[in-house]
């Protein structure tokens, strides 16, 4: 099985940007501890509207599916829900540009 590269969008709730940024620093290590992602480092960046985007690699389609039943991942997703809304990258203004560019965060 090969890995699956994904791009996730997280729009911070009002006043929660700093908390979201802190949580982003734990995202990949926590998924890695559960054996759900590869060793590839993520790219974390911010759009002009404050949305944070992350490019990372799940270990497999099965890993993605198992995340939905993993108690540690469920706990982490609840932490994310408290500080952000998940948004499709199509909702990020920069995604309409031929060469989208963002502010790096990691």
Protein backbone atom coordinates (compact mmCIF):
# COMPACT_ATOMS: atom_id res chain seq x y z
CA UNK A 1 0.00 0.00 0.00
CA UNK A 2 1.17 3.47 -0.79
CA UNK A 3 0.69 6.60 1.26
CA UNK A 4 -2.01 9.17 0.58
CA UNK A 5 -1.06 12.86 0.39
CA UNK A 6 -3.79 15.14 1.69
CA UNK A 7 -4.29 18.88 2.04
CA UNK A 8 -6.38 19.85 5.05
CA UNK A 9 -7.78 23.30 5.78
CA UNK A 10 -8.43 24.63 9.27
CA UNK A 11 -10.13 28.02 9.71
CA UNK A 12 -9.58 29.29 13.26
CA UNK A 13 -12.62 30.27 15.28
CA UNK A 14 -12.57 33.91 16.46
CA UNK A 15 -9.82 34.41 19.03
CA UNK A 16 -8.53 30.84 18.62
CA UNK A 17 -5.69 31.33 16.09
CA UNK A 18 -2.88 30.94 18.65
CA UNK A 19 -4.48 27.79 20.08
CA UNK A 20 -4.88 26.33 16.60
CA UNK A 21 -1.25 27.07 15.73
CA UNK A 22 -0.12 25.34 18.94
CA UNK A 23 -2.32 22.34 18.15
CA UNK A 24 -0.89 22.14 14.64
CA UNK A 25 2.54 21.48 16.15
CA UNK A 26 1.18 18.32 17.77
CA UNK A 27 -0.89 16.99 14.84
CA UNK A 28 1.67 14.95 12.94
CA UNK A 29 3.50 13.60 16.02
CA UNK A 30 0.21 12.37 17.47
CA UNK A 31 -0.82 10.68 14.22
CA UNK A 32 2.67 9.21 13.93
CA UNK A 33 2.46 7.80 17.46
CA UNK A 34 -0.64 5.90 16.34
CA UNK A 35 1.15 4.58 13.23
CA UNK A 36 -1.22 6.37 10.87
CA UNK A 37 1.15 8.63 8.89
CA UNK A 38 4.44 8.19 7.11
CA UNK A 39 7.78 9.67 8.11
CA UNK A 40 7.33 12.48 5.56
CA UNK A 41 7.31 15.87 7.27
CA UNK A 42 4.22 18.01 6.84
CA UNK A 43 4.04 21.47 5.35
CA UNK A 44 1.98 23.89 7.41
CA UNK A 45 1.08 27.27 5.93
CA UNK A 46 -1.36 30.12 6.40
CA UNK A 47 -3.65 31.80 3.88
CA UNK A 48 -4.36 35.53 3.87
CA UNK A 49 -7.73 34.99 5.63
CA UNK A 50 -6.04 33.13 8.52
CA UNK A 51 -6.92 29.63 7.33
CA UNK A 52 -4.14 27.17 8.11
CA UNK A 53 -3.40 24.52 5.50
CA UNK A 54 -1.43 21.35 6.09
CA UNK A 55 -0.05 18.94 3.53
CA UNK A 56 0.74 15.56 5.04
CA UNK A 57 0.85 11.87 4.17
CA UNK A 58 -1.39 9.21 5.65
CA UNK A 59 0.23 5.76 5.65
CA UNK A 60 -2.60 4.27 3.53
CA UNK A 61 -6.31 4.40 2.82
CA UNK A 62 -6.69 1.87 5.65
CA UNK A 63 -4.90 4.26 8.03
CA UNK A 64 -7.36 7.01 7.11
CA UNK A 65 -10.27 4.68 7.78
CA UNK A 66 -8.83 3.44 11.07
CA UNK A 67 -8.36 7.03 12.29
CA UNK A 68 -12.15 7.31 12.45
CA UNK A 69 -12.20 4.53 15.07
CA UNK A 70 -9.05 5.45 17.00
CA UNK A 71 -9.76 6.93 20.48
CA UNK A 72 -6.60 9.07 20.48
CA UNK A 73 -7.41 10.53 17.07
CA UNK A 74 -11.02 11.13 18.11
CA UNK A 75 -9.76 13.04 21.17
CA UNK A 76 -7.46 15.13 18.99
CA UNK A 77 -10.24 15.89 16.50
CA UNK A 78 -12.39 17.16 19.40
CA UNK A 79 -9.56 19.52 20.34
CA UNK A 80 -9.50 20.77 16.74
CA UNK A 81 -13.29 21.22 16.72
CA UNK A 82 -12.97 23.53 19.74
CA UNK A 83 -10.62 25.93 17.92
CA UNK A 84 -11.41 25.68 14.19
CA UNK A 85 -13.73 24.73 11.39
CA UNK A 86 -12.54 22.31 8.70
CA UNK A 87 -12.72 23.94 5.27
CA UNK A 88 -12.14 22.59 1.77
CA UNK A 89 -9.14 24.12 0.07
CA UNK A 90 -11.47 25.33 -2.69
CA UNK A 91 -12.84 27.83 -0.13
CA UNK A 92 -9.40 29.40 0.32
CA UNK A 93 -9.04 32.42 -2.00
CA UNK A 94 -5.45 31.58 -2.94
CA UNK A 95 -6.58 28.25 -4.41
CA UNK A 96 -7.95 30.09 -7.46
CA UNK A 97 -4.49 31.34 -8.41
CA UNK A 98 -2.28 29.51 -10.89
CA UNK A 99 0.56 29.61 -8.36
CA UNK A 100 -1.02 29.81 -4.91
CA UNK A 101 1.31 31.11 -2.25
CA UNK A 102 1.02 31.09 1.50
CA UNK A 103 2.93 32.12 4.63
CA UNK A 104 4.98 29.18 5.97
CA UNK A 105 4.36 28.22 9.59
CA UNK A 106 6.80 25.32 9.96
